[in-house]
Amino acid sequence: MTDTITITGNIATPPEEKRTAAGLVITTFRVASSQRRFDRATNQWIDGETNWYTVSAFRALAEHAYLSLRKGERVIVTGRLHLREWETNAKKGTTAEIDADAIGHDLLWGTSVFSKRSVRRAEPAVGPARDAEWSVAPIPDGEGTDAWTTPMAGVGDRAAEVEPAEPHEPTVQRELADSPF
């Protein structure tokens, strides 16, 4: 049996994209999640224990996660929890894995910009047969110009698919780092 879980935490490893022989896209990364609590006796915020999760995303969510997420960013992940026991000659333990249903940036700690990737199946011009190929609808570049991009061009090459996002404001991150939330 699997349980649905929602966690918040920091991405601890660079997202890694893999493709199976059948073409299934999978993106994996590790998330470190620790909760803070206020200790009334010492009148201070205290960090709790850190829980480590391996997050796996599949198909379109995998592609979008790979293009959007970076190591160190704070995220919210919802998905199915799997606890797996492992053993080597010297050690044994349990791994917590999450098959993600949804992933997003945690907006308590910064800002994010959403851009929709529009992909739709091409319809045949004549006849009952369905075209198995995908077509990509152009999306405006978001800067008010007449330029258009095709977001699926060069799948697998992050630089070819999206323009680099503007860097996060370090001052915002520093101010929020001291937040009790």
Protein backbone atom coordinates (compact mmCIF):
# COMPACT_ATOMS: atom_id res chain seq x y z
CA MET A 1 0.00 0.00 0.00
CA THR A 2 1.21 3.51 -0.75
CA ASP A 3 0.32 6.72 1.04
CA THR A 4 -0.07 10.18 -0.45
CA ILE A 5 2.32 12.67 1.12
CA THR A 6 3.12 16.37 0.73
CA ILE A 7 6.54 17.64 1.75
CA THR A 8 8.44 20.92 1.59
CA GLY A 9 12.19 21.03 1.44
CA ASN A 10 15.31 22.01 -0.46
CA ILE A 11 16.50 20.23 -3.57
CA ALA A 12 19.76 18.61 -2.49
CA THR A 13 20.99 17.18 -5.81
CA PRO A 14 20.82 18.51 -9.36
CA PRO A 15 17.74 17.09 -11.13
CA GLU A 16 18.74 14.21 -13.39
CA GLU A 17 16.76 13.32 -16.52
CA LYS A 18 16.70 9.78 -17.89
CA ARG A 19 14.83 8.10 -20.74
CA THR A 20 13.87 4.45 -20.80
CA ALA A 21 14.25 2.30 -23.91
CA ALA A 22 10.52 2.83 -24.48
CA GLY A 23 10.98 6.63 -24.41
CA LEU A 24 9.51 7.28 -20.93
CA VAL A 25 11.06 10.43 -19.42
CA ILE A 26 12.01 10.25 -15.72
CA THR A 27 13.51 13.06 -13.64
CA THR A 28 14.91 12.30 -10.18
CA PHE A 29 16.38 14.41 -7.41
CA ARG A 30 16.80 14.32 -3.63
CA VAL A 31 14.95 16.63 -1.24
CA ALA A 32 16.07 17.46 2.30
CA SER A 33 13.12 18.32 4.51
CA SER A 34 13.46 19.57 8.06
CA GLN A 35 10.89 21.31 10.19
CA ARG A 36 11.53 24.21 12.54
CA ARG A 37 9.74 24.68 15.80
CA PHE A 38 9.72 27.37 18.44
CA ASP A 39 11.16 26.25 21.80
CA ARG A 40 9.42 28.35 24.45
CA ALA A 41 11.92 27.32 27.13
CA THR A 42 14.88 28.84 25.24
CA ASN A 43 12.79 31.40 23.31
CA GLN A 44 14.47 30.30 20.04
CA TRP A 45 13.64 28.56 16.78
CA ILE A 46 15.11 25.04 16.64
CA ASP A 47 15.75 22.91 13.56
CA GLY A 48 14.27 19.43 13.73
CA GLU A 49 15.76 16.29 12.21
CA THR A 50 16.25 16.24 8.45
CA ASN A 51 14.32 13.70 6.41
CA TRP A 52 15.68 12.74 2.99
CA TYR A 53 13.45 11.79 0.06
CA THR A 54 14.22 10.62 -3.46
CA VAL A 55 11.66 12.24 -5.76
CA SER A 56 10.81 10.74 -9.16
CA ALA A 57 8.67 12.49 -11.75
CA PHE A 58 7.42 10.89 -14.97
CA ARG A 59 6.41 11.98 -18.49
CA ALA A 60 5.47 15.68 -18.90
CA LEU A 61 5.98 16.40 -15.19
CA ALA A 62 9.50 14.98 -15.53
CA GLU A 63 10.31 17.23 -18.50
CA HIS A 64 8.91 20.32 -16.80
CA ALA A 65 10.67 19.55 -13.49
CA TYR A 66 14.01 19.06 -15.26
CA LEU A 67 13.65 22.40 -17.05
CA SER A 68 12.38 24.32 -14.00
CA LEU A 69 14.16 23.06 -10.89
CA ARG A 70 17.70 23.64 -9.63
CA LYS A 71 19.71 22.37 -6.69
CA GLY A 72 19.14 24.51 -3.58
CA GLU A 73 15.65 25.69 -4.51
CA ARG A 74 12.80 25.25 -2.03
CA VAL A 75 9.98 23.06 -3.38
CA ILE A 76 6.65 21.50 -2.44
CA VAL A 77 6.16 17.91 -3.61
CA THR A 78 2.97 15.85 -3.48
CA GLY A 79 2.96 12.20 -4.44
CA ARG A 80 2.88 8.57 -3.43
CA LEU A 81 5.31 7.54 -0.68
CA HIS A 82 7.19 4.25 -0.96
CA LEU A 83 9.43 3.03 1.85
CA ARG A 84 12.00 0.57 0.53
CA GLU A 85 14.38 -1.48 2.59
CA TRP A 86 17.89 -2.06 1.25
CA GLU A 87 20.89 -4.05 2.32
CA THR A 88 24.55 -4.32 1.31
CA ASN A 89 27.27 -6.49 2.79
CA ALA A 90 28.10 -3.83 5.39
CA LYS A 91 24.85 -1.89 5.93
CA LYS A 92 21.11 -1.97 5.72
CA GLY A 93 18.49 0.74 5.87
CA THR A 94 15.27 2.21 4.52
CA THR A 95 14.85 4.68 1.68
CA ALA A 96 11.87 7.03 1.34
CA GLU A 97 10.87 7.54 -2.28
CA ILE A 98 8.11 9.76 -3.66
CA ASP A 99 6.49 9.24 -7.07
CA ALA A 100 5.49 12.84 -7.68
CA ASP A 101 2.01 13.88 -8.75
CA ALA A 102 2.80 17.62 -8.46
CA ILE A 103 5.92 19.71 -7.85
CA GLY A 104 6.23 23.47 -7.41
CA HIS A 105 8.41 26.16 -5.93
CA ASP A 106 7.65 27.07 -2.32
CA LEU A 107 6.58 30.71 -2.66
CA LEU A 108 7.12 31.41 1.04
CA TRP A 109 10.83 31.62 0.24
CA GLY A 110 10.91 33.40 -3.11
CA THR A 111 9.13 34.10 -6.37
CA SER A 112 8.57 32.00 -9.44
CA VAL A 113 7.44 32.66 -13.01
CA PHE A 114 5.08 30.22 -14.72
CA SER A 115 5.12 29.68 -18.46
CA LYS A 116 2.79 27.17 -20.01
CA ARG A 117 4.16 24.69 -22.52
CA SER A 118 1.48 24.05 -25.10
CA VAL A 119 1.66 20.64 -26.74
CA ARG A 120 -1.23 19.10 -28.61
CA ARG A 121 -1.79 16.15 -30.91
CA ALA A 122 -1.96 17.02 -34.62
CA GLU A 123 -5.29 16.24 -36.30
CA PRO A 124 -5.22 14.69 -39.80
CA ALA A 125 -6.45 16.96 -42.59
CA VAL A 126 -8.47 14.23 -44.31
CA GLY A 127 -9.58 10.69 -43.45
CA PRO A 128 -10.27 8.74 -40.27
CA ALA A 129 -6.66 7.78 -39.51
CA ARG A 130 -5.06 9.55 -36.56
CA ASP A 131 -1.63 11.08 -36.90
CA ALA A 132 0.65 9.62 -34.21
CA GLU A 133 3.08 12.53 -34.28
CA TRP A 134 2.92 15.49 -31.96
CA SER A 135 2.85 19.07 -33.04
CA VAL A 136 4.02 21.99 -30.95
CA ALA A 137 1.98 25.16 -30.79
CA PRO A 138 4.17 28.28 -30.62
CA ILE A 139 4.11 30.29 -27.41
CA PRO A 140 4.94 34.00 -27.19
CA ASP A 141 8.30 34.70 -25.58
CA GLY A 142 6.55 36.71 -22.88
CA GLU A 143 8.41 39.94 -23.48
CA GLY A 144 5.78 41.70 -25.59
CA THR A 145 7.69 41.18 -28.85
CA ASP A 146 6.60 39.43 -32.00
CA ALA A 147 9.16 36.66 -31.43
CA TRP A 148 7.84 33.14 -30.94
CA THR A 149 9.48 30.03 -29.60
CA THR A 150 8.71 26.34 -29.98
CA PRO A 151 9.27 24.95 -26.49
CA MET A 152 9.80 21.31 -27.48
CA ALA A 153 12.72 22.02 -29.84
CA GLY A 154 15.83 20.11 -28.79
CA VAL A 155 14.19 18.09 -25.99
CA GLY A 156 16.87 17.01 -23.54
CA ASP A 157 19.02 20.10 -24.07
CA ARG A 158 18.04 22.53 -21.33
CA ALA A 159 19.71 25.52 -22.96
CA ALA A 160 17.94 24.94 -26.29
CA GLU A 161 14.50 24.63 -24.73
CA VAL A 162 14.24 27.69 -22.54
CA GLU A 163 15.99 30.94 -22.12
CA PRO A 164 17.76 31.18 -18.78
CA ALA A 165 15.57 32.62 -16.07
CA GLU A 166 16.63 35.78 -14.39
CA PRO A 167 18.70 34.99 -11.30
CA HIS A 168 16.94 34.93 -7.97
CA GLU A 169 17.33 38.06 -5.95
CA PRO A 170 19.95 37.16 -3.31
CA THR A 171 18.74 39.95 -1.03
CA VAL A 172 15.26 38.40 -0.94
CA GLN A 173 16.74 35.03 -0.06
CA ARG A 174 18.88 36.54 2.70
CA GLU A 175 15.91 38.38 4.21
CA LEU A 176 13.78 35.24 4.17
CA ALA A 177 16.53 33.00 5.53
CA ASP A 178 15.89 34.45 8.98
CA SER A 179 12.13 33.91 8.74
CA PRO A 180 10.68 31.64 11.41
CA PHE A 181 8.37 30.03 8.82
